PDB file of N, CA and C in Angstrom:
ATOM      1  N   UNK A   1      81.737 111.298  90.128  1.00  0.00           N
ATOM      2  CA  UNK A   1      83.016 111.364  90.711  1.00  0.00           C
ATOM      3  C   UNK A   1      83.434 109.845  90.932  1.00  0.00           C
ATOM      4  N   UNK A   2      82.484 109.175  91.760  1.00  0.00           N
ATOM      5  CA  UNK A   2      82.802 107.909  92.275  1.00  0.00           C
ATOM      6  C   UNK A   2      82.899 107.010  90.915  1.00  0.00           C
ATOM      7  N   UNK A   3      82.085 107.112  89.840  1.00  0.00           N
ATOM      8  CA  UNK A   3      82.268 106.172  88.680  1.00  0.00           C
ATOM      9  C   UNK A   3      83.590 106.553  88.044  1.00  0.00           C
ATOM     10  N   UNK A   4      83.960 107.704  87.896  1.00  0.00           N
ATOM     11  CA  UNK A   4      85.462 108.220  87.352  1.00  0.00           C
ATOM     12  C   UNK A   4      86.446 107.638  88.259  1.00  0.00           C
ATOM     13  N   UNK A   5      86.413 107.261  89.511  1.00  0.00           N
ATOM     14  CA  UNK A   5      87.528 106.875  90.549  1.00  0.00           C
ATOM     15  C   UNK A   5      87.404 105.367  90.147  1.00  0.00           C
ATOM     16  N   UNK A   6      86.353 104.632  90.039  1.00  0.00           N
ATOM     17  CA  UNK A   6      86.393 103.077  89.647  1.00  0.00           C
ATOM     18  C   UNK A   6      86.910 103.047  88.451  1.00  0.00           C
ATOM     19  N   UNK A   7      86.648 103.760  87.467  1.00  0.00           N
ATOM     20  CA  UNK A   7      87.164 103.575  86.088  1.00  0.00           C
ATOM     21  C   UNK A   7      88.700 103.595  86.061  1.00  0.00           C
ATOM     22  N   UNK A   8      89.093 104.782  86.992  1.00  0.00           N
ATOM     23  CA  UNK A   8      90.696 105.064  87.000  1.00  0.00           C
ATOM     24  C   UNK A   8      91.377 103.956  87.586  1.00  0.00           C
ATOM     25  N   UNK A   9      90.751 103.505  88.845  1.00  0.00           N
ATOM     26  CA  UNK A   9      91.123 102.429  89.567  1.00  0.00           C
ATOM     27  C   UNK A   9      91.413 101.198  88.811  1.00  0.00           C
ATOM     28  N   UNK A  10      90.395 100.869  87.855  1.00  0.00           N
ATOM     29  CA  UNK A  10      90.391  99.678  86.828  1.00  0.00           C
ATOM     30  C   UNK A  10      91.431  99.875  85.961  1.00  0.00           C
ATOM     31  N   UNK A  11      91.710 100.940  85.479  1.00  0.00           N
ATOM     32  CA  UNK A  11      92.828 101.373  84.405  1.00  0.00           C
ATOM     33  C   UNK A  11      94.258 100.998  85.156  1.00  0.00           C
ATOM     34  N   UNK A  12      94.247 101.526  86.365  1.00  0.00           N
ATOM     35  CA  UNK A  12      95.494 101.291  87.031  1.00  0.00           C
ATOM     36  C   UNK A  12      95.795  99.898  87.374  1.00  0.00           C
ATOM     37  N   UNK A  13      94.759  99.091  87.677  1.00  0.00           N
ATOM     38  CA  UNK A  13      94.955  97.633  87.855  1.00  0.00           C
ATOM     39  C   UNK A  13      95.336  96.904  86.602  1.00  0.00           C
ATOM     40  N   UNK A  14      94.744  97.341  85.387  1.00  0.00           N
ATOM     41  CA  UNK A  14      95.217  96.930  84.090  1.00  0.00           C
ATOM     42  C   UNK A  14      96.428  97.011  83.883  1.00  0.00           C
ATOM     43  N   UNK A  15      96.889  98.234  84.061  1.00  0.00           N
ATOM     44  CA  UNK A  15      98.399  98.584  83.781  1.00  0.00           C
ATOM     45  C   UNK A  15      99.095  97.712  84.722  1.00  0.00           C
ATOM     46  N   UNK A  16      98.982  97.774  85.978  1.00  0.00           N
ATOM     47  CA  UNK A  16      99.746  96.925  86.838  1.00  0.00           C
ATOM     48  C   UNK A  16      99.917  95.292  86.302  1.00  0.00           C
ATOM     49  N   UNK A  17      98.684  94.996  85.908  1.00  0.00           N
ATOM     50  CA  UNK A  17      98.767  93.546  85.529  1.00  0.00           C
ATOM     51  C   UNK A  17      99.507  93.254  84.209  1.00  0.00           C
ATOM     52  N   UNK A  18      99.527  94.267  83.330  1.00  0.00           N
ATOM     53  CA  UNK A  18     100.188  94.202  81.921  1.00  0.00           C
ATOM     54  C   UNK A  18     101.837  94.414  82.217  1.00  0.00           C
ATOM     55  N   UNK A  19     101.993  95.474  82.882  1.00  0.00           N
ATOM     56  CA  UNK A  19     103.572  95.906  83.179  1.00  0.00           C
ATOM     57  C   UNK A  19     103.957  96.193  84.885  1.00  0.00           C
ATOM     58  N   UNK A  20     103.813  95.100  85.553  1.00  0.00           N
ATOM     59  CA  UNK A  20     103.808  95.131  87.076  1.00  0.00           C
ATOM     60  C   UNK A  20     105.176  95.796  87.488  1.00  0.00           C
ATOM     61  N   UNK A  21     106.186  95.755  86.816  1.00  0.00           N
ATOM     62  CA  UNK A  21     107.557  96.255  87.143  1.00  0.00           C
ATOM     63  C   UNK A  21     107.715  97.706  86.805  1.00  0.00           C
ATOM     64  N   UNK A  22     106.714  98.379  86.377  1.00  0.00           N
ATOM     65  CA  UNK A  22     106.798  99.733  85.979  1.00  0.00           C
ATOM     66  C   UNK A  22     106.352 100.644  87.279  1.00  0.00           C
ATOM     67  N   UNK A  23     105.691 100.142  88.289  1.00  0.00           N
ATOM     68  CA  UNK A  23     105.454 100.808  89.456  1.00  0.00           C
ATOM     69  C   UNK A  23     106.698 101.120  90.225  1.00  0.00           C
ATOM     70  N   UNK A  24     106.391 102.343  90.907  1.00  0.00           N
ATOM     71  CA  UNK A  24     107.600 102.789  91.919  1.00  0.00           C
ATOM     72  C   UNK A  24     108.030 101.982  93.192  1.00  0.00           C
ATOM     73  N   UNK A  25     109.345 101.759  93.057  1.00  0.00           N
ATOM     74  CA  UNK A  25     109.539 100.790  94.458  1.00  0.00           C
ATOM     75  C   UNK A  25     110.077 101.905  95.403  1.00  0.00           C
ATOM     76  N   UNK A  26     109.959 103.168  95.425  1.00  0.00           N
ATOM     77  CA  UNK A  26     110.516 103.984  96.585  1.00  0.00           C
ATOM     78  C   UNK A  26     109.908 103.510  97.872  1.00  0.00           C
ATOM     79  N   UNK A  27     108.727 103.501  98.195  1.00  0.00           N
ATOM     80  CA  UNK A  27     108.175 102.912  99.531  1.00  0.00           C
ATOM     81  C   UNK A  27     108.713 101.713  99.807  1.00  0.00           C
ATOM     82  N   UNK A  28     108.766 100.730  98.963  1.00  0.00           N
ATOM     83  CA  UNK A  28     109.430  99.397  99.243  1.00  0.00           C
ATOM     84  C   UNK A  28     110.817  99.607  99.662  1.00  0.00           C
ATOM     85  N   UNK A  29     111.665 100.322  99.116  1.00  0.00           N
ATOM     86  CA  UNK A  29     113.093 100.463  99.454  1.00  0.00           C
ATOM     87  C   UNK A  29     113.088 101.181 100.991  1.00  0.00           C
ATOM     88  N   UNK A  30     112.272 102.364 101.122  1.00  0.00           N
ATOM     89  CA  UNK A  30     112.144 103.046 102.207  1.00  0.00           C
ATOM     90  C   UNK A  30     111.822 102.016 103.474  1.00  0.00           C
ATOM     91  N   UNK A  31     110.763 101.264 103.240  1.00  0.00           N
ATOM     92  CA  UNK A  31     110.277 100.544 104.307  1.00  0.00           C
ATOM     93  C   UNK A  31     110.840  99.132 104.707  1.00  0.00           C
ATOM     94  N   UNK A  32     111.930  98.776 103.676  1.00  0.00           N
ATOM     95  CA  UNK A  32     112.353  97.445 103.889  1.00  0.00           C
ATOM     96  C   UNK A  32     111.380  96.414 103.359  1.00  0.00           C
ATOM     97  N   UNK A  33     110.488  96.650 102.618  1.00  0.00           N
ATOM     98  CA  UNK A  33     109.577  95.520 101.948  1.00  0.00           C
ATOM     99  C   UNK A  33     109.871  95.453 100.452  1.00  0.00           C
ATOM    100  N   UNK A  34     110.725  94.377 100.412  1.00  0.00           N
ATOM    101  CA  UNK A  34     111.168  94.139  98.814  1.00  0.00           C
ATOM    102  C   UNK A  34     110.151  93.595  98.056  1.00  0.00           C
ATOM    103  N   UNK A  35     109.996  94.356  96.903  1.00  0.00           N
ATOM    104  CA  UNK A  35     108.811  93.890  96.040  1.00  0.00           C
ATOM    105  C   UNK A  35     107.746  94.973  96.032  1.00  0.00           C
ATOM    106  N   UNK A  36     107.687  95.705  97.004  1.00  0.00           N
ATOM    107  CA  UNK A  36     106.498  96.580  97.096  1.00  0.00           C
ATOM    108  C   UNK A  36     106.651  97.652  96.146  1.00  0.00           C
ATOM    109  N   UNK A  37     105.729  97.907  95.341  1.00  0.00           N
ATOM    110  CA  UNK A  37     105.544  99.027  94.364  1.00  0.00           C
ATOM    111  C   UNK A  37     104.265  99.671  94.605  1.00  0.00           C
ATOM    112  N   UNK A  38     104.127 100.829  93.856  1.00  0.00           N
ATOM    113  CA  UNK A  38     102.960 101.548  93.843  1.00  0.00           C
ATOM    114  C   UNK A  38     102.796 102.251  92.472  1.00  0.00           C
ATOM    115  N   UNK A  39     101.482 102.437  92.160  1.00  0.00           N
ATOM    116  CA  UNK A  39     100.944 103.066  90.782  1.00  0.00           C
ATOM    117  C   UNK A  39      99.993 104.108  90.885  1.00  0.00           C
ATOM    118  N   UNK A  40     100.230 105.183  90.497  1.00  0.00           N
ATOM    119  CA  UNK A  40      99.314 106.349  90.846  1.00  0.00           C
ATOM    120  C   UNK A  40      97.926 106.031  89.965  1.00  0.00           C
ATOM    121  N   UNK A  41      96.836 106.418  90.531  1.00  0.00           N
ATOM    122  CA  UNK A  41      95.471 106.250  89.985  1.00  0.00           C
ATOM    123  C   UNK A  41      95.407 107.542  89.291  1.00  0.00           C
ATOM    124  N   UNK A  42      95.186 107.780  87.949  1.00  0.00           N
ATOM    125  CA  UNK A  42      95.257 109.056  87.272  1.00  0.00           C
ATOM    126  C   UNK A  42      93.994 109.694  87.352  1.00  0.00           C
ATOM    127  N   UNK A  43      94.333 110.964  87.633  1.00  0.00           N
ATOM    128  CA  UNK A  43      93.414 111.906  87.994  1.00  0.00           C
ATOM    129  C   UNK A  43      92.831 112.220  89.490  1.00  0.00           C
ATOM    130  N   UNK A  44      93.410 111.227  90.368  1.00  0.00           N
ATOM    131  CA  UNK A  44      93.127 111.220  91.657  1.00  0.00           C
ATOM    132  C   UNK A  44      94.424 111.257  92.540  1.00  0.00           C
ATOM    133  N   UNK A  45      94.492 111.788  93.895  1.00  0.00           N
ATOM    134  CA  UNK A  45      95.649 111.858  94.628  1.00  0.00           C
ATOM    135  C   UNK A  45      95.858 110.352  95.389  1.00  0.00           C
ATOM    136  N   UNK A  46      95.422 109.164  94.760  1.00  0.00           N
ATOM    137  CA  UNK A  46      95.472 108.054  95.346  1.00  0.00           C
ATOM    138  C   UNK A  46      96.682 107.031  94.441  1.00  0.00           C
ATOM    139  N   UNK A  47      97.085 105.949  95.186  1.00  0.00           N
ATOM    140  CA  UNK A  47      97.986 105.033  94.492  1.00  0.00           C
ATOM    141  C   UNK A  47      97.561 103.637  94.898  1.00  0.00           C
ATOM    142  N   UNK A  48      97.813 102.634  94.208  1.00  0.00           N
ATOM    143  CA  UNK A  48      97.628 101.406  94.395  1.00  0.00           C
ATOM    144  C   UNK A  48      99.067 100.526  94.946  1.00  0.00           C
ATOM    145  N   UNK A  49      99.099 100.096  96.057  1.00  0.00           N
ATOM    146  CA  UNK A  49     100.428  99.509  96.322  1.00  0.00           C
ATOM    147  C   UNK A  49     100.107  98.180  96.276  1.00  0.00           C
ATOM    148  N   UNK A  50     101.368  97.372  95.683  1.00  0.00           N
ATOM    149  CA  UNK A  50     101.126  95.967  95.263  1.00  0.00           C
ATOM    150  C   UNK A  50     102.330  95.329  95.359  1.00  0.00           C
ATOM    151  N   UNK A  51     102.446  94.026  95.374  1.00  0.00           N
ATOM    152  CA  UNK A  51     103.547  93.169  95.202  1.00  0.00           C
ATOM    153  C   UNK A  51     103.216  92.082  94.068  1.00  0.00           C
ATOM    154  N   UNK A  52     104.094  92.091  93.204  1.00  0.00           N
ATOM    155  CA  UNK A  52     103.972  91.344  92.058  1.00  0.00           C
ATOM    156  C   UNK A  52     104.678  89.889  92.143  1.00  0.00           C
ATOM    157  N   UNK A  53     103.969  88.749  91.920  1.00  0.00           N
ATOM    158  CA  UNK A  53     104.526  87.506  92.150  1.00  0.00           C
ATOM    159  C   UNK A  53     104.648  86.916  90.727  1.00  0.00           C
ATOM    160  N   UNK A  54     105.270  85.909  90.479  1.00  0.00           N
ATOM    161  CA  UNK A  54     105.338  84.953  88.933  1.00  0.00           C
ATOM    162  C   UNK A  54     103.797  84.845  88.686  1.00  0.00           C
ATOM    163  N   UNK A  55     102.879  84.556  89.656  1.00  0.00           N
ATOM    164  CA  UNK A  55     101.597  83.896  89.173  1.00  0.00           C
ATOM    165  C   UNK A  55     100.472  84.882  89.615  1.00  0.00           C
ATOM    166  N   UNK A  56     100.727  85.808  90.326  1.00  0.00           N
ATOM    167  CA  UNK A  56      99.704  86.696  90.851  1.00  0.00           C
ATOM    168  C   UNK A  56     100.090  88.251  91.349  1.00  0.00           C
ATOM    169  N   UNK A  57      99.300  88.970  91.397  1.00  0.00           N
ATOM    170  CA  UNK A  57      99.600  90.300  91.992  1.00  0.00           C
ATOM    171  C   UNK A  57      98.696  90.544  93.323  1.00  0.00           C
ATOM    172  N   UNK A  58      99.435  90.748  94.497  1.00  0.00           N
ATOM    173  CA  UNK A  58      98.756  91.034  95.567  1.00  0.00           C
ATOM    174  C   UNK A  58      98.785  92.587  95.829  1.00  0.00           C
ATOM    175  N   UNK A  59      97.611  93.187  95.949  1.00  0.00           N
ATOM    176  CA  UNK A  59      97.188  94.586  96.194  1.00  0.00           C
ATOM    177  C   UNK A  59      97.202  94.749  97.715  1.00  0.00           C
ATOM    178  N   UNK A  60      97.998  95.385  98.561  1.00  0.00           N
ATOM    179  CA  UNK A  60      98.119  95.629  99.605  1.00  0.00           C
ATOM    180  C   UNK A  60      97.269  96.733 100.057  1.00  0.00           C
ATOM    181  N   UNK A  61      97.162  97.885  99.398  1.00  0.00           N
ATOM    182  CA  UNK A  61      96.385  98.761 100.154  1.00  0.00           C
ATOM    183  C   UNK A  61      96.206  99.992  98.885  1.00  0.00           C
ATOM    184  N   UNK A  62      95.201 100.627  98.837  1.00  0.00           N
ATOM    185  CA  UNK A  62      94.932 101.848  97.980  1.00  0.00           C
ATOM    186  C   UNK A  62      95.073 102.949  98.792  1.00  0.00           C
ATOM    187  N   UNK A  63      95.959 103.909  98.839  1.00  0.00           N
ATOM    188  CA  UNK A  63      96.108 104.850  99.741  1.00  0.00           C
ATOM    189  C   UNK A  63      96.083 106.502  99.126  1.00  0.00           C
ATOM    190  N   UNK A  64      95.593 107.386  99.971  1.00  0.00           N
ATOM    191  CA  UNK A  64      95.858 108.763  99.570  1.00  0.00           C
ATOM    192  C   UNK A  64      97.311 108.924  99.680  1.00  0.00           C
ATOM    193  N   UNK A  65      97.817 109.680  98.613  1.00  0.00           N
ATOM    194  CA  UNK A  65      99.217 110.149  98.652  1.00  0.00           C
ATOM    195  C   UNK A  65      99.645 111.056  99.580  1.00  0.00           C
ATOM    196  N   UNK A  66      98.620 111.567 100.249  1.00  0.00           N
ATOM    197  CA  UNK A  66      98.935 112.637 101.314  1.00  0.00           C
ATOM    198  C   UNK A  66      99.039 112.185 102.661  1.00  0.00           C
ATOM    199  N   UNK A  67      98.657 110.868 102.760  1.00  0.00           N
ATOM    200  CA  UNK A  67      98.596 110.317 103.996  1.00  0.00           C
ATOM    201  C   UNK A  67     100.037 109.782 104.530  1.00  0.00           C
ATOM    202  N   UNK A  68      99.934 109.176 105.755  1.00  0.00           N
ATOM    203  CA  UNK A  68     101.303 108.565 106.308  1.00  0.00           C
ATOM    204  C   UNK A  68     101.431 107.358 105.686  1.00  0.00           C
ATOM    205  N   UNK A  69     101.978 107.151 104.464  1.00  0.00           N
ATOM    206  CA  UNK A  69     102.210 105.835 103.879  1.00  0.00           C
ATOM    207  C   UNK A  69     102.893 104.776 104.715  1.00  0.00           C
ATOM    208  N   UNK A  70     103.869 105.025 105.470  1.00  0.00           N
ATOM    209  CA  UNK A  70     104.777 104.135 106.246  1.00  0.00           C
ATOM    210  C   UNK A  70     103.797 103.500 107.448  1.00  0.00           C
ATOM    211  N   UNK A  71     103.110 104.361 107.868  1.00  0.00           N
ATOM    212  CA  UNK A  71     102.110 104.025 109.069  1.00  0.00           C
ATOM    213  C   UNK A  71     101.030 102.992 108.567  1.00  0.00           C
ATOM    214  N   UNK A  72     100.666 103.273 107.274  1.00  0.00           N
ATOM    215  CA  UNK A  72      99.520 102.373 106.618  1.00  0.00           C
ATOM    216  C   UNK A  72     100.006 101.099 106.332  1.00  0.00           C
ATOM    217  N   UNK A  73     101.474 100.941 105.886  1.00  0.00           N
ATOM    218  CA  UNK A  73     101.974  99.782 105.508  1.00  0.00           C
ATOM    219  C   UNK A  73     102.427  98.755 106.635  1.00  0.00           C
ATOM    220  N   UNK A  74     102.380  99.319 107.763  1.00  0.00           N
ATOM    221  CA  UNK A  74     102.824  98.225 108.872  1.00  0.00           C
ATOM    222  C   UNK A  74     101.588  97.350 109.103  1.00  0.00           C
ATOM    223  N   UNK A  75     102.087  95.844 109.050  1.00  0.00           N
ATOM    224  CA  UNK A  75     101.248  94.676 109.319  1.00  0.00           C
ATOM    225  C   UNK A  75     100.059  94.697 108.292  1.00  0.00           C
ATOM    226  N   UNK A  76     100.433  94.322 106.998  1.00  0.00           N
ATOM    227  CA  UNK A  76      99.485  94.423 105.931  1.00  0.00           C
ATOM    228  C   UNK A  76      98.609  92.987 106.131  1.00  0.00           C
TER     229      UNK A  76
END
């Protein structure tokens, strides 16, 4: 199970690196954090939360989608 998660996380990060604008901006809009996006980790109830810049991608959190997302996004 752990290896599957690591592989799925790697695939999510590769997707984000190739197409950073495809992540959902829902939480970024809700929380007033411009540029914050998330991409789900396939096969798991987790998502990668990130902000894409011209020269890098900052991963803020990897969170369970059933958690209190706004509470975890305070003061990254």
